PDB file of all heavy atoms in Angstrom:
ATOM      1  N   THR A   1       0.919  -1.222   0.005  1.00  0.00           N
ATOM      2  CA  THR A   1      -0.032  -0.002  -0.002  1.00  0.00           C
ATOM      3  C   THR A   1       0.829   1.250   0.031  1.00  0.00           C
ATOM      4  O   THR A   1       0.647   2.219  -0.788  1.00  0.00           O
ATOM      5  CB  THR A   1      -0.866   0.066   1.186  1.00  0.00           C
ATOM      6  OG1 THR A   1      -1.741  -1.101   1.172  1.00  0.00           O
ATOM      7  CG2 THR A   1      -1.867   1.210   1.222  1.00  0.00           C
ATOM      8  N   THR A   2       1.866   1.307   0.786  1.00  0.00           N
ATOM      9  CA  THR A   2       2.840   2.388   0.891  1.00  0.00           C
ATOM     10  C   THR A   2       3.460   2.626  -0.516  1.00  0.00           C
ATOM     11  O   THR A   2       3.579   3.806  -0.974  1.00  0.00           O
ATOM     12  CB  THR A   2       3.922   2.202   1.943  1.00  0.00           C
ATOM     13  OG1 THR A   2       3.264   2.035   3.224  1.00  0.00           O
ATOM     14  CG2 THR A   2       4.824   3.449   1.925  1.00  0.00           C
ATOM     15  N   ALA A   3       3.903   1.522  -1.118  1.00  0.00           N
ATOM     16  CA  ALA A   3       4.648   1.535  -2.479  1.00  0.00           C
ATOM     17  C   ALA A   3       3.623   2.174  -3.528  1.00  0.00           C
ATOM     18  O   ALA A   3       3.999   3.053  -4.223  1.00  0.00           O
ATOM     19  CB  ALA A   3       5.042   0.304  -2.889  1.00  0.00           C
ATOM     20  N   LEU A   4       2.329   1.756  -3.531  1.00  0.00           N
ATOM     21  CA  LEU A   4       1.420   2.295  -4.494  1.00  0.00           C
ATOM     22  C   LEU A   4       1.052   3.766  -4.238  1.00  0.00           C
ATOM     23  O   LEU A   4       0.977   4.594  -5.183  1.00  0.00           O
ATOM     24  CB  LEU A   4       0.163   1.418  -4.430  1.00  0.00           C
ATOM     25  CG  LEU A   4      -0.878   1.675  -5.616  1.00  0.00           C
ATOM     26  CD1 LEU A   4      -0.272   1.510  -6.948  1.00  0.00           C
ATOM     27  CD2 LEU A   4      -2.061   0.828  -5.496  1.00  0.00           C
ATOM     28  N   LYS A   5       0.939   4.151  -3.013  1.00  0.00           N
ATOM     29  CA  LYS A   5       0.554   5.491  -2.631  1.00  0.00           C
ATOM     30  C   LYS A   5       1.878   6.417  -3.118  1.00  0.00           C
ATOM     31  O   LYS A   5       1.642   7.547  -3.476  1.00  0.00           O
ATOM     32  CB  LYS A   5       0.434   5.709  -1.029  1.00  0.00           C
ATOM     33  CG  LYS A   5      -0.945   5.143  -0.658  1.00  0.00           C
ATOM     34  CD  LYS A   5      -1.103   5.315   0.876  1.00  0.00           C
ATOM     35  CE  LYS A   5      -2.423   4.912   1.259  1.00  0.00           C
ATOM     36  NZ  LYS A   5      -2.539   5.085   2.742  1.00  0.00           N
ATOM     37  N   ALA A   6       3.116   5.881  -2.911  1.00  0.00           N
ATOM     38  CA  ALA A   6       4.290   6.648  -3.304  1.00  0.00           C
ATOM     39  C   ALA A   6       4.293   6.805  -4.851  1.00  0.00           C
ATOM     40  O   ALA A   6       4.725   7.949  -5.400  1.00  0.00           O
ATOM     41  CB  ALA A   6       5.525   5.896  -2.926  1.00  0.00           C
ATOM     42  N   THR A   7       3.820   5.956  -5.659  1.00  0.00           N
ATOM     43  CA  THR A   7       3.727   5.979  -7.008  1.00  0.00           C
ATOM     44  C   THR A   7       2.636   7.066  -7.455  1.00  0.00           C
ATOM     45  O   THR A   7       2.948   7.917  -8.252  1.00  0.00           O
ATOM     46  CB  THR A   7       3.274   4.695  -7.687  1.00  0.00           C
ATOM     47  OG1 THR A   7       4.118   3.608  -7.314  1.00  0.00           O
ATOM     48  CG2 THR A   7       3.296   4.802  -9.285  1.00  0.00           C
ATOM     49  N   GLU A   8       1.586   7.018  -6.743  1.00  0.00           N
ATOM     50  CA  GLU A   8       0.476   8.044  -6.975  1.00  0.00           C
ATOM     51  C   GLU A   8       1.039   9.436  -6.567  1.00  0.00           C
ATOM     52  O   GLU A   8       0.772  10.447  -7.297  1.00  0.00           O
ATOM     53  CB  GLU A   8      -0.701   7.806  -6.149  1.00  0.00           C
ATOM     54  CG  GLU A   8      -1.879   8.658  -6.287  1.00  0.00           C
ATOM     55  CD  GLU A   8      -2.970   8.450  -5.411  1.00  0.00           C
ATOM     56  OE1 GLU A   8      -2.751   8.017  -4.204  1.00  0.00           O
ATOM     57  OE2 GLU A   8      -4.205   8.594  -5.792  1.00  0.00           O
ATOM     58  N   GLN A   9       1.713   9.543  -5.448  1.00  0.00           N
ATOM     59  CA  GLN A   9       2.306  10.758  -5.052  1.00  0.00           C
ATOM     60  C   GLN A   9       3.304  11.386  -6.022  1.00  0.00           C
ATOM     61  O   GLN A   9       3.179  12.549  -6.350  1.00  0.00           O
ATOM     62  CB  GLN A   9       3.122  10.623  -3.759  1.00  0.00           C
ATOM     63  CG  GLN A   9       3.772  11.873  -3.150  1.00  0.00           C
ATOM     64  CD  GLN A   9       4.787  11.591  -2.032  1.00  0.00           C
ATOM     65  OE1 GLN A   9       5.069  10.505  -1.738  1.00  0.00           O
ATOM     66  NE2 GLN A   9       5.345  12.692  -1.610  1.00  0.00           N
ATOM     67  N   LEU A  10       4.164  10.537  -6.617  1.00  0.00           N
ATOM     68  CA  LEU A  10       5.035  11.006  -7.700  1.00  0.00           C
ATOM     69  C   LEU A  10       4.324  11.496  -8.827  1.00  0.00           C
ATOM     70  O   LEU A  10       4.631  12.555  -9.374  1.00  0.00           O
ATOM     71  CB  LEU A  10       5.996   9.931  -8.029  1.00  0.00           C
ATOM     72  CG  LEU A  10       6.965  10.236  -9.294  1.00  0.00           C
ATOM     73  CD1 LEU A  10       7.810  11.428  -8.996  1.00  0.00           C
ATOM     74  CD2 LEU A  10       7.806   8.951  -9.635  1.00  0.00           C
ATOM     75  N   TYR A  11       3.280  10.747  -9.266  1.00  0.00           N
ATOM     76  CA  TYR A  11       2.502  11.070 -10.446  1.00  0.00           C
ATOM     77  C   TYR A  11       1.824  12.459 -10.265  1.00  0.00           C
ATOM     78  O   TYR A  11       1.823  13.322 -11.129  1.00  0.00           O
ATOM     79  CB  TYR A  11       1.472  10.077 -10.766  1.00  0.00           C
ATOM     80  CG  TYR A  11       0.510  10.415 -11.825  1.00  0.00           C
ATOM     81  CD1 TYR A  11       0.902  10.435 -13.134  1.00  0.00           C
ATOM     82  CD2 TYR A  11      -0.814  10.906 -11.592  1.00  0.00           C
ATOM     83  CE1 TYR A  11       0.022  10.773 -14.141  1.00  0.00           C
ATOM     84  CE2 TYR A  11      -1.693  11.320 -12.555  1.00  0.00           C
ATOM     85  CZ  TYR A  11      -1.248  11.307 -13.872  1.00  0.00           C
ATOM     86  OH  TYR A  11      -2.068  11.690 -14.833  1.00  0.00           O
ATOM     87  N   LEU A  12       1.381  12.645  -9.030  1.00  0.00           N
ATOM     88  CA  LEU A  12       0.590  13.951  -8.766  1.00  0.00           C
ATOM     89  C   LEU A  12       1.517  15.076  -8.379  1.00  0.00           C
ATOM     90  O   LEU A  12       1.025  16.184  -8.374  1.00  0.00           O
ATOM     91  CB  LEU A  12      -0.451  13.742  -7.595  1.00  0.00           C
ATOM     92  CG  LEU A  12      -1.488  12.694  -7.800  1.00  0.00           C
ATOM     93  CD1 LEU A  12      -2.296  12.484  -6.567  1.00  0.00           C
ATOM     94  CD2 LEU A  12      -2.418  13.234  -8.968  1.00  0.00           C
ATOM     95  N   GLY A  13       2.824  14.778  -8.100  1.00  0.00           N
ATOM     96  CA  GLY A  13       3.650  15.879  -7.680  1.00  0.00           C
ATOM     97  C   GLY A  13       3.474  16.413  -6.271  1.00  0.00           C
ATOM     98  O   GLY A  13       3.793  17.559  -6.105  1.00  0.00           O
ATOM     99  N   LYS A  14       2.892  15.550  -5.493  1.00  0.00           N
ATOM    100  CA  LYS A  14       2.618  16.005  -4.085  1.00  0.00           C
ATOM    101  C   LYS A  14       3.754  15.862  -3.209  1.00  0.00           C
ATOM    102  O   LYS A  14       4.386  14.858  -3.201  1.00  0.00           O
ATOM    103  CB  LYS A  14       1.388  15.184  -3.481  1.00  0.00           C
ATOM    104  CG  LYS A  14       0.003  15.583  -3.925  1.00  0.00           C
ATOM    105  CD  LYS A  14      -1.100  14.892  -3.094  1.00  0.00           C
ATOM    106  CE  LYS A  14      -2.491  15.460  -3.547  1.00  0.00           C
ATOM    107  NZ  LYS A  14      -3.485  14.802  -2.769  1.00  0.00           N
ATOM    108  N   SER A  15       4.012  16.921  -2.324  1.00  0.00           N
ATOM    109  CA  SER A  15       5.147  16.855  -1.401  1.00  0.00           C
ATOM    110  C   SER A  15       4.812  15.714  -0.379  1.00  0.00           C
ATOM    111  O   SER A  15       3.687  15.238  -0.196  1.00  0.00           O
ATOM    112  CB  SER A  15       5.312  18.147  -0.807  1.00  0.00           C
ATOM    113  OG  SER A  15       4.277  18.423   0.122  1.00  0.00           O
ATOM    114  N   ASN A  16       5.809  15.431   0.389  1.00  0.00           N
ATOM    115  CA  ASN A  16       5.709  14.476   1.547  1.00  0.00           C
ATOM    116  C   ASN A  16       4.734  15.029   2.576  1.00  0.00           C
ATOM    117  O   ASN A  16       4.161  14.247   3.367  1.00  0.00           O
ATOM    118  CB  ASN A  16       7.063  14.147   2.161  1.00  0.00           C
ATOM    119  CG  ASN A  16       7.853  13.158   1.316  1.00  0.00           C
ATOM    120  OD1 ASN A  16       7.421  12.828   0.162  1.00  0.00           O
ATOM    121  ND2 ASN A  16       8.979  12.718   1.798  1.00  0.00           N
ATOM    122  N   ALA A  17       4.545  16.391   2.607  1.00  0.00           N
ATOM    123  CA  ALA A  17       3.663  16.947   3.478  1.00  0.00           C
ATOM    124  C   ALA A  17       2.205  17.029   2.929  1.00  0.00           C
ATOM    125  O   ALA A  17       1.341  17.578   3.613  1.00  0.00           O
ATOM    126  CB  ALA A  17       4.129  18.347   3.902  1.00  0.00           C
ATOM    127  N   GLY A  18       2.060  16.571   1.710  1.00  0.00           N
ATOM    128  CA  GLY A  18       0.748  16.543   1.112  1.00  0.00           C
ATOM    129  C   GLY A  18       0.375  17.736   0.246  1.00  0.00           C
ATOM    130  O   GLY A  18      -0.768  17.886  -0.148  1.00  0.00           O
ATOM    131  N   VAL A  19       1.285  18.701   0.034  1.00  0.00           N
ATOM    132  CA  VAL A  19       1.133  19.787  -0.744  1.00  0.00           C
ATOM    133  C   VAL A  19       1.182  19.552  -2.263  1.00  0.00           C
ATOM    134  O   VAL A  19       2.188  18.966  -2.741  1.00  0.00           O
ATOM    135  CB  VAL A  19       2.195  20.962  -0.401  1.00  0.00           C
ATOM    136  CG1 VAL A  19       1.876  22.246  -1.271  1.00  0.00           C
ATOM    137  CG2 VAL A  19       1.937  21.330   1.016  1.00  0.00           C
ATOM    138  N   ASP A  20       0.143  19.912  -3.038  1.00  0.00           N
ATOM    139  CA  ASP A  20       0.097  19.485  -4.411  1.00  0.00           C
ATOM    140  C   ASP A  20       0.986  20.469  -5.190  1.00  0.00           C
ATOM    141  O   ASP A  20       0.839  21.732  -5.106  1.00  0.00           O
ATOM    142  CB  ASP A  20      -1.398  19.662  -4.890  1.00  0.00           C
ATOM    143  CG  ASP A  20      -1.571  19.003  -6.317  1.00  0.00           C
ATOM    144  OD1 ASP A  20      -0.626  18.419  -6.728  1.00  0.00           O
ATOM    145  OD2 ASP A  20      -2.546  19.244  -6.861  1.00  0.00           O
ATOM    146  N   GLY A  21       1.891  19.953  -6.015  1.00  0.00           N
ATOM    147  CA  GLY A  21       2.785  20.667  -6.855  1.00  0.00           C
ATOM    148  C   GLY A  21       2.715  20.138  -8.239  1.00  0.00           C
ATOM    149  O   GLY A  21       1.981  19.293  -8.629  1.00  0.00           O
ATOM    150  N   LEU A  22       3.667  20.783  -9.083  1.00  0.00           N
ATOM    151  CA  LEU A  22       3.692  20.243 -10.524  1.00  0.00           C
ATOM    152  C   LEU A  22       4.080  18.745 -10.615  1.00  0.00           C
ATOM    153  O   LEU A  22       5.074  18.472 -10.018  1.00  0.00           O
ATOM    154  CB  LEU A  22       4.651  21.128 -11.347  1.00  0.00           C
ATOM    155  CG  LEU A  22       4.089  22.581 -11.776  1.00  0.00           C
ATOM    156  CD1 LEU A  22       5.244  23.238 -12.531  1.00  0.00           C
ATOM    157  CD2 LEU A  22       2.812  22.402 -12.593  1.00  0.00           C
ATOM    158  N   GLY A  23       3.346  18.078 -11.300  1.00  0.00           N
ATOM    159  CA  GLY A  23       3.657  16.625 -11.425  1.00  0.00           C
ATOM    160  C   GLY A  23       3.319  16.090 -12.806  1.00  0.00           C
ATOM    161  O   GLY A  23       3.010  16.913 -13.749  1.00  0.00           O
ATOM    162  N   LEU A  24       3.448  14.820 -13.021  1.00  0.00           N
ATOM    163  CA  LEU A  24       3.074  14.278 -14.306  1.00  0.00           C
ATOM    164  C   LEU A  24       1.616  14.444 -14.730  1.00  0.00           C
ATOM    165  O   LEU A  24       1.202  14.514 -15.920  1.00  0.00           O
ATOM    166  CB  LEU A  24       3.455  12.728 -14.329  1.00  0.00           C
ATOM    167  CG  LEU A  24       4.893  12.444 -14.285  1.00  0.00           C
ATOM    168  CD1 LEU A  24       5.158  10.999 -14.005  1.00  0.00           C
ATOM    169  CD2 LEU A  24       5.710  12.903 -15.534  1.00  0.00           C
ATOM    170  N   ASP A  25       0.831  14.559 -13.709  1.00  0.00           N
ATOM    171  CA  ASP A  25      -0.659  14.866 -13.949  1.00  0.00           C
ATOM    172  C   ASP A  25      -0.838  16.176 -14.634  1.00  0.00           C
ATOM    173  O   ASP A  25      -1.676  16.278 -15.528  1.00  0.00           O
ATOM    174  CB  ASP A  25      -1.496  14.739 -12.633  1.00  0.00           C
ATOM    175  CG  ASP A  25      -1.016  15.846 -11.675  1.00  0.00           C
ATOM    176  OD1 ASP A  25       0.241  16.196 -11.564  1.00  0.00           O
ATOM    177  OD2 ASP A  25      -1.810  16.342 -10.858  1.00  0.00           O
ATOM    178  N   ASP A  26      -0.106  17.253 -14.173  1.00  0.00           N
ATOM    179  CA  ASP A  26      -0.208  18.527 -14.743  1.00  0.00           C
ATOM    180  C   ASP A  26       0.360  18.515 -16.245  1.00  0.00           C
ATOM    181  O   ASP A  26      -0.161  19.225 -17.147  1.00  0.00           O
ATOM    182  CB  ASP A  26       0.532  19.567 -13.974  1.00  0.00           C
ATOM    183  CG  ASP A  26       0.042  19.609 -12.488  1.00  0.00           C
ATOM    184  OD1 ASP A  26      -1.102  20.122 -12.385  1.00  0.00           O
ATOM    185  OD2 ASP A  26       0.703  19.175 -11.585  1.00  0.00           O
ATOM    186  N   TYR A  27       1.463  17.757 -16.381  1.00  0.00           N
ATOM    187  CA  TYR A  27       2.033  17.619 -17.738  1.00  0.00           C
ATOM    188  C   TYR A  27       1.009  17.142 -18.695  1.00  0.00           C
ATOM    189  O   TYR A  27       0.782  17.514 -19.762  1.00  0.00           O
ATOM    190  CB  TYR A  27       3.332  16.760 -17.606  1.00  0.00           C
ATOM    191  CG  TYR A  27       4.354  16.980 -18.646  1.00  0.00           C
ATOM    192  CD1 TYR A  27       5.658  16.565 -18.510  1.00  0.00           C
ATOM    193  CD2 TYR A  27       4.009  17.537 -19.923  1.00  0.00           C
ATOM    194  CE1 TYR A  27       6.574  16.763 -19.486  1.00  0.00           C
ATOM    195  CE2 TYR A  27       4.925  17.707 -20.972  1.00  0.00           C
ATOM    196  CZ  TYR A  27       6.325  17.282 -20.700  1.00  0.00           C
ATOM    197  OH  TYR A  27       7.234  17.461 -21.630  1.00  0.00           O
ATOM    198  N   LEU A  28       0.388  15.929 -18.321  1.00  0.00           N
ATOM    199  CA  LEU A  28      -0.643  15.263 -19.154  1.00  0.00           C
ATOM    200  C   LEU A  28      -1.753  16.134 -19.344  1.00  0.00           C
ATOM    201  O   LEU A  28      -2.318  16.265 -20.486  1.00  0.00           O
ATOM    202  CB  LEU A  28      -1.011  13.942 -18.513  1.00  0.00           C
ATOM    203  CG  LEU A  28      -0.340  12.651 -18.818  1.00  0.00           C
ATOM    204  CD1 LEU A  28      -1.031  11.610 -18.201  1.00  0.00           C
ATOM    205  CD2 LEU A  28      -0.179  12.556 -20.307  1.00  0.00           C
ATOM    206  N   ALA A  29      -2.231  16.758 -18.297  1.00  0.00           N
ATOM    207  CA  ALA A  29      -3.402  17.749 -18.442  1.00  0.00           C
ATOM    208  C   ALA A  29      -3.143  18.791 -19.511  1.00  0.00           C
ATOM    209  O   ALA A  29      -4.032  19.296 -20.255  1.00  0.00           O
ATOM    210  CB  ALA A  29      -3.773  18.419 -17.107  1.00  0.00           C
ATOM    211  N   ALA A  30      -1.897  19.363 -19.528  1.00  0.00           N
ATOM    212  CA  ALA A  30      -1.491  20.436 -20.372  1.00  0.00           C
ATOM    213  C   ALA A  30      -1.623  19.907 -21.935  1.00  0.00           C
ATOM    214  O   ALA A  30      -1.783  20.745 -22.775  1.00  0.00           O
ATOM    215  CB  ALA A  30      -0.090  20.932 -20.178  1.00  0.00           C
ATOM    216  N   THR A  31      -1.384  18.600 -22.132  1.00  0.00           N
ATOM    217  CA  THR A  31      -1.520  18.116 -23.509  1.00  0.00           C
ATOM    218  C   THR A  31      -2.934  17.953 -23.946  1.00  0.00           C
ATOM    219  O   THR A  31      -3.176  17.811 -25.087  1.00  0.00           O
ATOM    220  CB  THR A  31      -0.854  16.694 -23.628  1.00  0.00           C
ATOM    221  OG1 THR A  31      -1.499  15.718 -22.934  1.00  0.00           O
ATOM    222  CG2 THR A  31       0.615  16.723 -22.989  1.00  0.00           C
ATOM    223  N   GLY A  32      -3.898  17.904 -22.920  1.00  0.00           N
ATOM    224  CA  GLY A  32      -5.250  17.601 -23.245  1.00  0.00           C
ATOM    225  C   GLY A  32      -5.537  16.238 -23.751  1.00  0.00           C
ATOM    226  O   GLY A  32      -6.545  15.931 -24.315  1.00  0.00           O
TER     227      GLY A  32
END
C-alpha cells in the first residue's frame, strides 16, 4: 500500500507533507 501511494504521489507531484505541486498529472493535463 505504501509503495502504491508513493507512485501516486510522484505522479501527482505531491510533497511528503501533502502539498500539491507540479507533477506528471499537470504535464498530461497540459497536453489535453
